[in-house]
């Protein structure tokens, strides 16, 4: 892929997020894929976050933490600089949590934001 570039990570991962991602990557349907974090229009605040396991594409920005490769497309990178991804295994409110310093307002669910 000639159109990719490695950058200083726009996204940081906490230790618990890295552990959970590595665990998920060990599953057969995620084998050989990388974590993609992206932003798209939608949600109750105008923009929403998404995470999936995906293959690298032309134009992806690549960052990493503790051996986990994170892919971000150019559109999403404009909104994700300085973002931290955490994971909690609490019964109530558990799962991946995204903390974005670029969000002027976030929804109560934590999955959408406004710039």
PDB file of N, CA and C in Angstrom:
ATOM      1  N   UNK A   1       0.845  -1.158   0.000  1.00  0.00           N
ATOM      2  CA  UNK A   1       0.000   0.000   0.000  1.00  0.00           C
ATOM      3  C   UNK A   1       0.896   1.228   0.000  1.00  0.00           C
ATOM      4  N   UNK A   2       0.906   1.938  -1.056  1.00  0.00           N
ATOM      5  CA  UNK A   2       1.835   3.040  -1.205  1.00  0.00           C
ATOM      6  C   UNK A   2       1.340   4.341  -0.610  1.00  0.00           C
ATOM      7  N   UNK A   3       0.066   4.447  -0.363  1.00  0.00           N
ATOM      8  CA  UNK A   3      -0.513   5.705   0.072  1.00  0.00           C
ATOM      9  C   UNK A   3      -0.779   5.762   1.569  1.00  0.00           C
ATOM     10  N   UNK A   4      -0.078   4.953   2.348  1.00  0.00           N
ATOM     11  CA  UNK A   4      -0.282   4.960   3.792  1.00  0.00           C
ATOM     12  C   UNK A   4       0.871   5.681   4.448  1.00  0.00           C
ATOM     13  N   UNK A   5       0.638   6.162   5.645  1.00  0.00           N
ATOM     14  CA  UNK A   5       1.726   6.808   6.355  1.00  0.00           C
ATOM     15  C   UNK A   5       1.603   6.531   7.839  1.00  0.00           C
ATOM     16  N   UNK A   6       2.763   6.382   8.477  1.00  0.00           N
ATOM     17  CA  UNK A   6       2.801   6.209   9.909  1.00  0.00           C
ATOM     18  C   UNK A   6       2.967   7.589  10.523  1.00  0.00           C
ATOM     19  N   UNK A   7       2.141   7.885  11.495  1.00  0.00           N
ATOM     20  CA  UNK A   7       2.166   9.198  12.128  1.00  0.00           C
ATOM     21  C   UNK A   7       2.293   9.036  13.626  1.00  0.00           C
ATOM     22  N   UNK A   8       2.607  10.140  14.304  1.00  0.00           N
ATOM     23  CA  UNK A   8       2.524  10.108  15.747  1.00  0.00           C
ATOM     24  C   UNK A   8       1.071   9.854  16.082  1.00  0.00           C
ATOM     25  N   UNK A   9       0.838   8.948  16.951  1.00  0.00           N
ATOM     26  CA  UNK A   9      -0.502   8.457  17.201  1.00  0.00           C
ATOM     27  C   UNK A   9      -1.515   9.552  17.521  1.00  0.00           C
ATOM     28  N   UNK A  10      -2.586   9.668  16.695  1.00  0.00           N
ATOM     29  CA  UNK A  10      -3.662  10.588  17.055  1.00  0.00           C
ATOM     30  C   UNK A  10      -4.505   9.975  18.168  1.00  0.00           C
ATOM     31  N   UNK A  11      -4.324   8.689  18.381  1.00  0.00           N
ATOM     32  CA  UNK A  11      -5.109   7.942  19.355  1.00  0.00           C
ATOM     33  C   UNK A  11      -4.157   7.208  20.288  1.00  0.00           C
ATOM     34  N   UNK A  12      -4.427   7.309  21.580  1.00  0.00           N
ATOM     35  CA  UNK A  12      -3.677   6.515  22.540  1.00  0.00           C
ATOM     36  C   UNK A  12      -4.616   5.468  23.129  1.00  0.00           C
ATOM     37  N   UNK A  13      -4.045   4.358  23.494  1.00  0.00           N
ATOM     38  CA  UNK A  13      -4.798   3.255  24.078  1.00  0.00           C
ATOM     39  C   UNK A  13      -4.324   3.035  25.504  1.00  0.00           C
ATOM     40  N   UNK A  14      -5.256   2.850  26.424  1.00  0.00           N
ATOM     41  CA  UNK A  14      -4.872   2.501  27.783  1.00  0.00           C
ATOM     42  C   UNK A  14      -4.453   1.035  27.814  1.00  0.00           C
ATOM     43  N   UNK A  15      -3.807   0.637  28.890  1.00  0.00           N
ATOM     44  CA  UNK A  15      -3.368  -0.750  29.044  1.00  0.00           C
ATOM     45  C   UNK A  15      -4.562  -1.694  28.957  1.00  0.00           C
ATOM     46  N   UNK A  16      -5.681  -1.343  29.602  1.00  0.00           N
ATOM     47  CA  UNK A  16      -6.845  -2.231  29.565  1.00  0.00           C
ATOM     48  C   UNK A  16      -7.433  -2.320  28.160  1.00  0.00           C
ATOM     49  N   UNK A  17      -7.386  -1.235  27.379  1.00  0.00           N
ATOM     50  CA  UNK A  17      -7.863  -1.282  25.995  1.00  0.00           C
ATOM     51  C   UNK A  17      -6.960  -2.177  25.155  1.00  0.00           C
ATOM     52  N   UNK A  18      -5.656  -2.052  25.327  1.00  0.00           N
ATOM     53  CA  UNK A  18      -4.705  -2.898  24.587  1.00  0.00           C
ATOM     54  C   UNK A  18      -4.962  -4.369  24.887  1.00  0.00           C
ATOM     55  N   UNK A  19      -5.145  -4.710  26.152  1.00  0.00           N
ATOM     56  CA  UNK A  19      -5.379  -6.106  26.539  1.00  0.00           C
ATOM     57  C   UNK A  19      -6.659  -6.644  25.895  1.00  0.00           C
ATOM     58  N   UNK A  20      -7.728  -5.856  25.907  1.00  0.00           N
ATOM     59  CA  UNK A  20      -8.995  -6.299  25.321  1.00  0.00           C
ATOM     60  C   UNK A  20      -8.886  -6.436  23.809  1.00  0.00           C
ATOM     61  N   UNK A  21      -8.217  -5.496  23.162  1.00  0.00           N
ATOM     62  CA  UNK A  21      -8.058  -5.548  21.704  1.00  0.00           C
ATOM     63  C   UNK A  21      -7.253  -6.784  21.313  1.00  0.00           C
ATOM     64  N   UNK A  22      -6.166  -7.048  22.024  1.00  0.00           N
ATOM     65  CA  UNK A  22      -5.357  -8.237  21.735  1.00  0.00           C
ATOM     66  C   UNK A  22      -6.179  -9.510  21.924  1.00  0.00           C
ATOM     67  N   UNK A  23      -7.014  -9.526  22.943  1.00  0.00           N
ATOM     68  CA  UNK A  23      -7.873 -10.679  23.180  1.00  0.00           C
ATOM     69  C   UNK A  23      -8.842 -10.877  22.015  1.00  0.00           C
ATOM     70  N   UNK A  24      -9.443  -9.796  21.556  1.00  0.00           N
ATOM     71  CA  UNK A  24     -10.380  -9.870  20.434  1.00  0.00           C
ATOM     72  C   UNK A  24      -9.678 -10.255  19.135  1.00  0.00           C
ATOM     73  N   UNK A  25      -8.446  -9.765  18.947  1.00  0.00           N
ATOM     74  CA  UNK A  25      -7.699 -10.107  17.731  1.00  0.00           C
ATOM     75  C   UNK A  25      -7.346 -11.587  17.690  1.00  0.00           C
ATOM     76  N   UNK A  26      -7.371 -12.243  18.831  1.00  0.00           N
ATOM     77  CA  UNK A  26      -7.084 -13.671  18.885  1.00  0.00           C
ATOM     78  C   UNK A  26      -8.225 -14.536  18.377  1.00  0.00           C
ATOM     79  N   UNK A  27      -9.397 -13.944  18.190  1.00  0.00           N
ATOM     80  CA  UNK A  27     -10.539 -14.694  17.671  1.00  0.00           C
ATOM     81  C   UNK A  27     -10.381 -14.894  16.162  1.00  0.00           C
ATOM     82  N   UNK A  28     -10.848 -16.019  15.682  1.00  0.00           N
ATOM     83  CA  UNK A  28     -10.654 -16.393  14.278  1.00  0.00           C
ATOM     84  C   UNK A  28     -11.162 -15.344  13.291  1.00  0.00           C
ATOM     85  N   UNK A  29     -12.314 -14.740  13.568  1.00  0.00           N
ATOM     86  CA  UNK A  29     -12.860 -13.795  12.601  1.00  0.00           C
ATOM     87  C   UNK A  29     -12.133 -12.455  12.595  1.00  0.00           C
ATOM     88  N   UNK A  30     -11.223 -12.212  13.556  1.00  0.00           N
ATOM     89  CA  UNK A  30     -10.445 -10.974  13.588  1.00  0.00           C
ATOM     90  C   UNK A  30      -8.972 -11.216  13.270  1.00  0.00           C
ATOM     91  N   UNK A  31      -8.586 -12.433  13.027  1.00  0.00           N
ATOM     92  CA  UNK A  31      -7.187 -12.777  12.791  1.00  0.00           C
ATOM     93  C   UNK A  31      -6.630 -12.013  11.601  1.00  0.00           C
ATOM     94  N   UNK A  32      -5.465 -11.420  11.785  1.00  0.00           N
ATOM     95  CA  UNK A  32      -4.796 -10.698  10.707  1.00  0.00           C
ATOM     96  C   UNK A  32      -5.356  -9.316  10.439  1.00  0.00           C
ATOM     97  N   UNK A  33      -6.315  -8.874  11.241  1.00  0.00           N
ATOM     98  CA  UNK A  33      -6.911  -7.549  11.035  1.00  0.00           C
ATOM     99  C   UNK A  33      -6.439  -6.605  12.132  1.00  0.00           C
ATOM    100  N   UNK A  34      -6.601  -5.325  11.873  1.00  0.00           N
ATOM    101  CA  UNK A  34      -6.162  -4.292  12.794  1.00  0.00           C
ATOM    102  C   UNK A  34      -7.366  -3.501  13.285  1.00  0.00           C
ATOM    103  N   UNK A  35      -7.179  -2.821  14.396  1.00  0.00           N
ATOM    104  CA  UNK A  35      -8.247  -1.986  14.921  1.00  0.00           C
ATOM    105  C   UNK A  35      -8.371  -0.722  14.077  1.00  0.00           C
ATOM    106  N   UNK A  36      -9.576  -0.434  13.633  1.00  0.00           N
ATOM    107  CA  UNK A  36      -9.860   0.813  12.921  1.00  0.00           C
ATOM    108  C   UNK A  36     -10.770   1.643  13.822  1.00  0.00           C
ATOM    109  N   UNK A  37     -10.367   2.892  14.069  1.00  0.00           N
ATOM    110  CA  UNK A  37     -11.189   3.839  14.801  1.00  0.00           C
ATOM    111  C   UNK A  37     -11.561   4.922  13.803  1.00  0.00           C
ATOM    112  N   UNK A  38     -12.859   5.243  13.745  1.00  0.00           N
ATOM    113  CA  UNK A  38     -13.309   6.205  12.745  1.00  0.00           C
ATOM    114  C   UNK A  38     -14.429   7.080  13.283  1.00  0.00           C
ATOM    115  N   UNK A  39     -14.705   8.126  12.524  1.00  0.00           N
ATOM    116  CA  UNK A  39     -15.772   9.070  12.826  1.00  0.00           C
ATOM    117  C   UNK A  39     -16.666   9.125  11.595  1.00  0.00           C
ATOM    118  N   UNK A  40     -17.963   9.184  11.833  1.00  0.00           N
ATOM    119  CA  UNK A  40     -18.909   9.338  10.727  1.00  0.00           C
ATOM    120  C   UNK A  40     -20.057  10.232  11.171  1.00  0.00           C
ATOM    121  N   UNK A  41     -20.771  10.779  10.213  1.00  0.00           N
ATOM    122  CA  UNK A  41     -21.914  11.617  10.531  1.00  0.00           C
ATOM    123  C   UNK A  41     -23.011  10.744  11.120  1.00  0.00           C
ATOM    124  N   UNK A  42     -23.685  11.264  12.142  1.00  0.00           N
ATOM    125  CA  UNK A  42     -24.776  10.532  12.761  1.00  0.00           C
ATOM    126  C   UNK A  42     -24.757  10.694  14.258  1.00  0.00           C
ATOM    127  N   UNK A  43     -25.559   9.919  14.923  1.00  0.00           N
ATOM    128  CA  UNK A  43     -25.648   9.994  16.371  1.00  0.00           C
ATOM    129  C   UNK A  43     -26.466  11.195  16.799  1.00  0.00           C
ATOM    130  N   UNK A  44     -26.723  11.280  18.078  1.00  0.00           N
ATOM    131  CA  UNK A  44     -27.578  12.349  18.581  1.00  0.00           C
ATOM    132  C   UNK A  44     -26.863  13.687  18.694  1.00  0.00           C
ATOM    133  N   UNK A  45     -25.534  13.715  18.524  1.00  0.00           N
ATOM    134  CA  UNK A  45     -24.796  14.977  18.609  1.00  0.00           C
ATOM    135  C   UNK A  45     -24.198  15.413  17.276  1.00  0.00           C
ATOM    136  N   UNK A  46     -24.454  14.690  16.201  1.00  0.00           N
ATOM    137  CA  UNK A  46     -23.975  15.097  14.876  1.00  0.00           C
ATOM    138  C   UNK A  46     -22.880  14.229  14.294  1.00  0.00           C
ATOM    139  N   UNK A  47     -21.962  13.757  15.131  1.00  0.00           N
ATOM    140  CA  UNK A  47     -20.879  12.870  14.690  1.00  0.00           C
ATOM    141  C   UNK A  47     -20.854  11.701  15.659  1.00  0.00           C
ATOM    142  N   UNK A  48     -20.462  10.529  15.153  1.00  0.00           N
ATOM    143  CA  UNK A  48     -20.380   9.374  16.040  1.00  0.00           C
ATOM    144  C   UNK A  48     -19.101   8.595  15.789  1.00  0.00           C
ATOM    145  N   UNK A  49     -18.658   7.912  16.836  1.00  0.00           N
ATOM    146  CA  UNK A  49     -17.453   7.094  16.770  1.00  0.00           C
ATOM    147  C   UNK A  49     -17.795   5.692  16.308  1.00  0.00           C
ATOM    148  N   UNK A  50     -16.828   5.061  15.691  1.00  0.00           N
ATOM    149  CA  UNK A  50     -16.959   3.660  15.343  1.00  0.00           C
ATOM    150  C   UNK A  50     -15.615   2.971  15.516  1.00  0.00           C
ATOM    151  N   UNK A  51     -15.676   1.693  15.818  1.00  0.00           N
ATOM    152  CA  UNK A  51     -14.480   0.865  15.934  1.00  0.00           C
ATOM    153  C   UNK A  51     -14.799  -0.478  15.303  1.00  0.00           C
ATOM    154  N   UNK A  52     -13.854  -0.987  14.549  1.00  0.00           N
ATOM    155  CA  UNK A  52     -14.039  -2.282  13.922  1.00  0.00           C
ATOM    156  C   UNK A  52     -12.665  -2.894  13.660  1.00  0.00           C
ATOM    157  N   UNK A  53     -12.642  -4.170  13.382  1.00  0.00           N
ATOM    158  CA  UNK A  53     -11.411  -4.799  12.929  1.00  0.00           C
ATOM    159  C   UNK A  53     -11.459  -4.822  11.419  1.00  0.00           C
ATOM    160  N   UNK A  54     -10.362  -4.407  10.799  1.00  0.00           N
ATOM    161  CA  UNK A  54     -10.368  -4.172   9.362  1.00  0.00           C
ATOM    162  C   UNK A  54      -8.973  -4.396   8.812  1.00  0.00           C
ATOM    163  N   UNK A  55      -8.902  -4.465   7.499  1.00  0.00           N
ATOM    164  CA  UNK A  55      -7.617  -4.533   6.814  1.00  0.00           C
ATOM    165  C   UNK A  55      -7.163  -3.117   6.483  1.00  0.00           C
ATOM    166  N   UNK A  56      -5.874  -2.965   6.348  1.00  0.00           N
ATOM    167  CA  UNK A  56      -5.298  -1.665   6.004  1.00  0.00           C
ATOM    168  C   UNK A  56      -5.696  -1.268   4.590  1.00  0.00           C
ATOM    169  N   UNK A  57      -6.018   0.014   4.407  1.00  0.00           N
ATOM    170  CA  UNK A  57      -6.410   0.547   3.096  1.00  0.00           C
ATOM    171  C   UNK A  57      -5.490   1.686   2.690  1.00  0.00           C
ATOM    172  N   UNK A  58      -5.446   1.979   1.396  1.00  0.00           N
ATOM    173  CA  UNK A  58      -4.687   3.127   0.919  1.00  0.00           C
ATOM    174  C   UNK A  58      -5.198   4.384   1.596  1.00  0.00           C
ATOM    175  N   UNK A  59      -4.282   5.234   2.020  1.00  0.00           N
ATOM    176  CA  UNK A  59      -4.643   6.482   2.657  1.00  0.00           C
ATOM    177  C   UNK A  59      -4.792   6.404   4.158  1.00  0.00           C
ATOM    178  N   UNK A  60      -4.735   5.204   4.734  1.00  0.00           N
ATOM    179  CA  UNK A  60      -4.860   5.072   6.182  1.00  0.00           C
ATOM    180  C   UNK A  60      -3.658   5.682   6.886  1.00  0.00           C
ATOM    181  N   UNK A  61      -3.927   6.319   8.009  1.00  0.00           N
ATOM    182  CA  UNK A  61      -2.877   6.741   8.918  1.00  0.00           C
ATOM    183  C   UNK A  61      -2.730   5.613   9.923  1.00  0.00           C
ATOM    184  N   UNK A  62      -1.498   5.279  10.245  1.00  0.00           N
ATOM    185  CA  UNK A  62      -1.227   4.121  11.086  1.00  0.00           C
ATOM    186  C   UNK A  62      -0.537   4.571  12.357  1.00  0.00           C
ATOM    187  N   UNK A  63      -1.048   4.124  13.452  1.00  0.00           N
ATOM    188  CA  UNK A  63      -0.390   4.380  14.727  1.00  0.00           C
ATOM    189  C   UNK A  63      -0.416   3.084  15.503  1.00  0.00           C
ATOM    190  N   UNK A  64       0.204   3.071  16.635  1.00  0.00           N
ATOM    191  CA  UNK A  64       0.214   1.846  17.401  1.00  0.00           C
ATOM    192  C   UNK A  64       0.525   2.093  18.847  1.00  0.00           C
ATOM    193  N   UNK A  65       0.185   1.106  19.639  1.00  0.00           N
ATOM    194  CA  UNK A  65       0.445   1.167  21.066  1.00  0.00           C
ATOM    195  C   UNK A  65       0.581  -0.256  21.584  1.00  0.00           C
ATOM    196  N   UNK A  66       1.702  -0.545  22.218  1.00  0.00           N
ATOM    197  CA  UNK A  66       1.912  -1.850  22.853  1.00  0.00           C
ATOM    198  C   UNK A  66       1.658  -3.019  21.898  1.00  0.00           C
ATOM    199  N   UNK A  67       2.069  -2.869  20.639  1.00  0.00           N
ATOM    200  CA  UNK A  67       1.909  -3.948  19.673  1.00  0.00           C
ATOM    201  C   UNK A  67       0.560  -4.008  18.991  1.00  0.00           C
ATOM    202  N   UNK A  68      -0.333  -3.077  19.286  1.00  0.00           N
ATOM    203  CA  UNK A  68      -1.640  -3.018  18.624  1.00  0.00           C
ATOM    204  C   UNK A  68      -1.586  -1.925  17.565  1.00  0.00           C
ATOM    205  N   UNK A  69      -1.840  -2.303  16.326  1.00  0.00           N
ATOM    206  CA  UNK A  69      -1.842  -1.355  15.214  1.00  0.00           C
ATOM    207  C   UNK A  69      -3.232  -0.735  15.093  1.00  0.00           C
ATOM    208  N   UNK A  70      -3.283   0.603  15.037  1.00  0.00           N
ATOM    209  CA  UNK A  70      -4.541   1.331  14.923  1.00  0.00           C
ATOM    210  C   UNK A  70      -4.567   2.057  13.583  1.00  0.00           C
ATOM    211  N   UNK A  71      -5.636   1.851  12.829  1.00  0.00           N
ATOM    212  CA  UNK A  71      -5.829   2.491  11.528  1.00  0.00           C
ATOM    213  C   UNK A  71      -6.844   3.618  11.669  1.00  0.00           C
ATOM    214  N   UNK A  72      -6.546   4.759  11.035  1.00  0.00           N
ATOM    215  CA  UNK A  72      -7.458   5.896  11.035  1.00  0.00           C
ATOM    216  C   UNK A  72      -7.449   6.482   9.629  1.00  0.00           C
ATOM    217  N   UNK A  73      -8.639   6.668   9.042  1.00  0.00           N
ATOM    218  CA  UNK A  73      -8.700   7.287   7.725  1.00  0.00           C
ATOM    219  C   UNK A  73      -8.464   8.795   7.875  1.00  0.00           C
ATOM    220  N   UNK A  74      -8.108   9.463   6.774  1.00  0.00           N
ATOM    221  CA  UNK A  74      -7.755  10.888   6.806  1.00  0.00           C
ATOM    222  C   UNK A  74      -8.902  11.759   7.310  1.00  0.00           C
ATOM    223  N   UNK A  75     -10.143  11.463   6.928  1.00  0.00           N
ATOM    224  CA  UNK A  75     -11.292  12.244   7.391  1.00  0.00           C
ATOM    225  C   UNK A  75     -11.403  12.173   8.909  1.00  0.00           C
ATOM    226  N   UNK A  76     -11.326  10.975   9.457  1.00  0.00           N
ATOM    227  CA  UNK A  76     -11.475  10.780  10.899  1.00  0.00           C
ATOM    228  C   UNK A  76     -10.326  11.397  11.686  1.00  0.00           C
ATOM    229  N   UNK A  77      -9.127  11.374  11.123  1.00  0.00           N
ATOM    230  CA  UNK A  77      -7.954  11.899  11.822  1.00  0.00           C
ATOM    231  C   UNK A  77      -8.129  13.367  12.184  1.00  0.00           C
ATOM    232  N   UNK A  78      -8.888  14.114  11.372  1.00  0.00           N
ATOM    233  CA  UNK A  78      -9.120  15.537  11.664  1.00  0.00           C
ATOM    234  C   UNK A  78      -9.855  15.723  12.984  1.00  0.00           C
ATOM    235  N   UNK A  79     -10.628  14.739  13.394  1.00  0.00           N
ATOM    236  CA  UNK A  79     -11.452  14.835  14.594  1.00  0.00           C
ATOM    237  C   UNK A  79     -10.904  14.070  15.792  1.00  0.00           C
ATOM    238  N   UNK A  80      -9.908  13.221  15.569  1.00  0.00           N
ATOM    239  CA  UNK A  80      -9.481  12.293  16.615  1.00  0.00           C
ATOM    240  C   UNK A  80      -8.150  12.613  17.279  1.00  0.00           C
ATOM    241  N   UNK A  81      -7.478  13.689  16.895  1.00  0.00           N
ATOM    242  CA  UNK A  81      -6.188  14.021  17.489  1.00  0.00           C
ATOM    243  C   UNK A  81      -6.276  14.135  19.001  1.00  0.00           C
ATOM    244  N   UNK A  82      -5.431  13.404  19.711  1.00  0.00           N
ATOM    245  CA  UNK A  82      -5.407  13.453  21.162  1.00  0.00           C
ATOM    246  C   UNK A  82      -6.424  12.562  21.849  1.00  0.00           C
ATOM    247  N   UNK A  83      -7.137  11.753  21.084  1.00  0.00           N
ATOM    248  CA  UNK A  83      -8.185  10.894  21.633  1.00  0.00           C
ATOM    249  C   UNK A  83      -7.582   9.700  22.363  1.00  0.00           C
ATOM    250  N   UNK A  84      -8.223   9.316  23.450  1.00  0.00           N
ATOM    251  CA  UNK A  84      -7.813   8.138  24.215  1.00  0.00           C
ATOM    252  C   UNK A  84      -8.931   7.108  24.203  1.00  0.00           C
ATOM    253  N   UNK A  85      -8.558   5.857  23.961  1.00  0.00           N
ATOM    254  CA  UNK A  85      -9.510   4.746  24.016  1.00  0.00           C
ATOM    255  C   UNK A  85      -9.180   3.922  25.256  1.00  0.00           C
ATOM    256  N   UNK A  86     -10.203   3.685  26.068  1.00  0.00           N
ATOM    257  CA  UNK A  86     -10.066   2.908  27.296  1.00  0.00           C
ATOM    258  C   UNK A  86     -11.065   1.752  27.235  1.00  0.00           C
ATOM    259  N   UNK A  87     -10.882   0.774  28.098  1.00  0.00           N
ATOM    260  CA  UNK A  87     -11.821  -0.336  28.193  1.00  0.00           C
ATOM    261  C   UNK A  87     -12.104  -0.621  29.661  1.00  0.00           C
ATOM    262  N   UNK A  88     -13.387  -0.839  29.950  1.00  0.00           N
ATOM    263  CA  UNK A  88     -13.804  -1.206  31.302  1.00  0.00           C
ATOM    264  C   UNK A  88     -14.655  -2.461  31.207  1.00  0.00           C
ATOM    265  N   UNK A  89     -14.420  -3.398  32.116  1.00  0.00           N
ATOM    266  CA  UNK A  89     -15.217  -4.627  32.116  1.00  0.00           C
ATOM    267  C   UNK A  89     -16.287  -4.604  33.200  1.00  0.00           C
ATOM    268  N   UNK A  90     -16.663  -3.409  33.651  1.00  0.00           N
ATOM    269  CA  UNK A  90     -17.724  -3.281  34.646  1.00  0.00           C
ATOM    270  C   UNK A  90     -19.050  -3.769  34.077  1.00  0.00           C
ATOM    271  N   UNK A  91     -19.891  -4.328  34.926  1.00  0.00           N
ATOM    272  CA  UNK A  91     -21.189  -4.823  34.474  1.00  0.00           C
ATOM    273  C   UNK A  91     -22.085  -3.697  33.982  1.00  0.00           C
ATOM    274  N   UNK A  92     -22.044  -2.570  34.654  1.00  0.00           N
ATOM    275  CA  UNK A  92     -22.845  -1.417  34.248  1.00  0.00           C
ATOM    276  C   UNK A  92     -21.918  -0.377  33.629  1.00  0.00           C
ATOM    277  N   UNK A  93     -22.175  -0.017  32.397  1.00  0.00           N
ATOM    278  CA  UNK A  93     -21.363   1.003  31.734  1.00  0.00           C
ATOM    279  C   UNK A  93     -20.023   0.506  31.239  1.00  0.00           C
ATOM    280  N   UNK A  94     -19.854  -0.787  31.136  1.00  0.00           N
ATOM    281  CA  UNK A  94     -18.592  -1.344  30.663  1.00  0.00           C
ATOM    282  C   UNK A  94     -18.467  -1.252  29.153  1.00  0.00           C
ATOM    283  N   UNK A  95     -17.291  -1.586  28.650  1.00  0.00           N
ATOM    284  CA  UNK A  95     -17.016  -1.562  27.218  1.00  0.00           C
ATOM    285  C   UNK A  95     -15.940  -0.543  26.896  1.00  0.00           C
ATOM    286  N   UNK A  96     -15.765  -0.265  25.619  1.00  0.00           N
ATOM    287  CA  UNK A  96     -14.775   0.711  25.188  1.00  0.00           C
ATOM    288  C   UNK A  96     -15.315   2.116  25.426  1.00  0.00           C
ATOM    289  N   UNK A  97     -14.449   2.996  25.902  1.00  0.00           N
ATOM    290  CA  UNK A  97     -14.784   4.389  26.166  1.00  0.00           C
ATOM    291  C   UNK A  97     -13.822   5.267  25.380  1.00  0.00           C
ATOM    292  N   UNK A  98     -14.354   6.249  24.679  1.00  0.00           N
ATOM    293  CA  UNK A  98     -13.542   7.161  23.887  1.00  0.00           C
ATOM    294  C   UNK A  98     -13.584   8.541  24.520  1.00  0.00           C
ATOM    295  N   UNK A  99     -12.411   9.082  24.834  1.00  0.00           N
ATOM    296  CA  UNK A  99     -12.285  10.427  25.391  1.00  0.00           C
ATOM    297  C   UNK A  99     -11.604  11.303  24.347  1.00  0.00           C
ATOM    298  N   UNK A 100     -12.347  12.257  23.808  1.00  0.00           N
ATOM    299  CA  UNK A 100     -11.865  13.083  22.704  1.00  0.00           C
ATOM    300  C   UNK A 100     -11.799  14.546  23.140  1.00  0.00           C
ATOM    301  N   UNK A 101     -10.588  15.134  23.218  1.00  0.00           N
ATOM    302  CA  UNK A 101     -10.468  16.537  23.627  1.00  0.00           C
ATOM    303  C   UNK A 101     -11.003  17.516  22.583  1.00  0.00           C
ATOM    304  N   UNK A 102     -11.273  17.058  21.372  1.00  0.00           N
ATOM    305  CA  UNK A 102     -11.784  17.919  20.306  1.00  0.00           C
ATOM    306  C   UNK A 102     -13.303  18.058  20.336  1.00  0.00           C
ATOM    307  N   UNK A 103     -13.958  17.251  21.144  1.00  0.00           N
ATOM    308  CA  UNK A 103     -15.424  17.281  21.221  1.00  0.00           C
ATOM    309  C   UNK A 103     -15.864  18.452  22.091  1.00  0.00           C
ATOM    310  N   UNK A 104     -16.648  19.346  21.512  1.00  0.00           N
ATOM    311  CA  UNK A 104     -17.178  20.471  22.283  1.00  0.00           C
ATOM    312  C   UNK A 104     -18.319  20.015  23.167  1.00  0.00           C
ATOM    313  N   UNK A 105     -19.046  19.019  22.700  1.00  0.00           N
ATOM    314  CA  UNK A 105     -20.171  18.478  23.452  1.00  0.00           C
ATOM    315  C   UNK A 105     -20.287  17.004  23.121  1.00  0.00           C
ATOM    316  N   UNK A 106     -20.544  16.181  24.128  1.00  0.00           N
ATOM    317  CA  UNK A 106     -20.707  14.749  23.911  1.00  0.00           C
ATOM    318  C   UNK A 106     -22.082  14.319  24.389  1.00  0.00           C
ATOM    319  N   UNK A 107     -22.569  13.286  23.780  1.00  0.00           N
ATOM    320  CA  UNK A 107     -23.855  12.709  24.157  1.00  0.00           C
ATOM    321  C   UNK A 107     -23.677  11.915  25.448  1.00  0.00           C
ATOM    322  N   UNK A 108     -24.738  11.717  26.165  1.00  0.00           N
ATOM    323  CA  UNK A 108     -24.697  10.942  27.392  1.00  0.00           C
ATOM    324  C   UNK A 108     -24.234   9.515  27.180  1.00  0.00           C
ATOM    325  N   UNK A 109     -24.465   8.979  25.989  1.00  0.00           N
ATOM    326  CA  UNK A 109     -24.064   7.600  25.706  1.00  0.00           C
ATOM    327  C   UNK A 109     -22.560   7.489  25.462  1.00  0.00           C
ATOM    328  N   UNK A 110     -21.893   8.616  25.172  1.00  0.00           N
ATOM    329  CA  UNK A 110     -20.461   8.605  24.918  1.00  0.00           C
ATOM    330  C   UNK A 110     -20.071   8.130  23.543  1.00  0.00           C
ATOM    331  N   UNK A 111     -21.052   7.867  22.685  1.00  0.00           N
ATOM    332  CA  UNK A 111     -20.754   7.362  21.345  1.00  0.00           C
ATOM    333  C   UNK A 111     -20.880   8.431  20.260  1.00  0.00           C
ATOM    334  N   UNK A 112     -21.402   9.604  20.612  1.00  0.00           N
ATOM    335  CA  UNK A 112     -21.505  10.666  19.626  1.00  0.00           C
ATOM    336  C   UNK A 112     -21.037  11.985  20.233  1.00  0.00           C
ATOM    337  N   UNK A 113     -20.681  12.919  19.366  1.00  0.00           N
ATOM    338  CA  UNK A 113     -20.128  14.183  19.830  1.00  0.00           C
ATOM    339  C   UNK A 113     -20.384  15.276  18.819  1.00  0.00           C
ATOM    340  N   UNK A 114     -20.112  16.490  19.247  1.00  0.00           N
ATOM    341  CA  UNK A 114     -20.271  17.668  18.398  1.00  0.00           C
ATOM    342  C   UNK A 114     -18.950  18.428  18.384  1.00  0.00           C
ATOM    343  N   UNK A 115     -18.572  18.945  17.213  1.00  0.00           N
ATOM    344  CA  UNK A 115     -17.320  19.701  17.131  1.00  0.00           C
ATOM    345  C   UNK A 115     -17.588  21.173  17.093  1.00  0.00           C
TER     346      UNK A 115
END
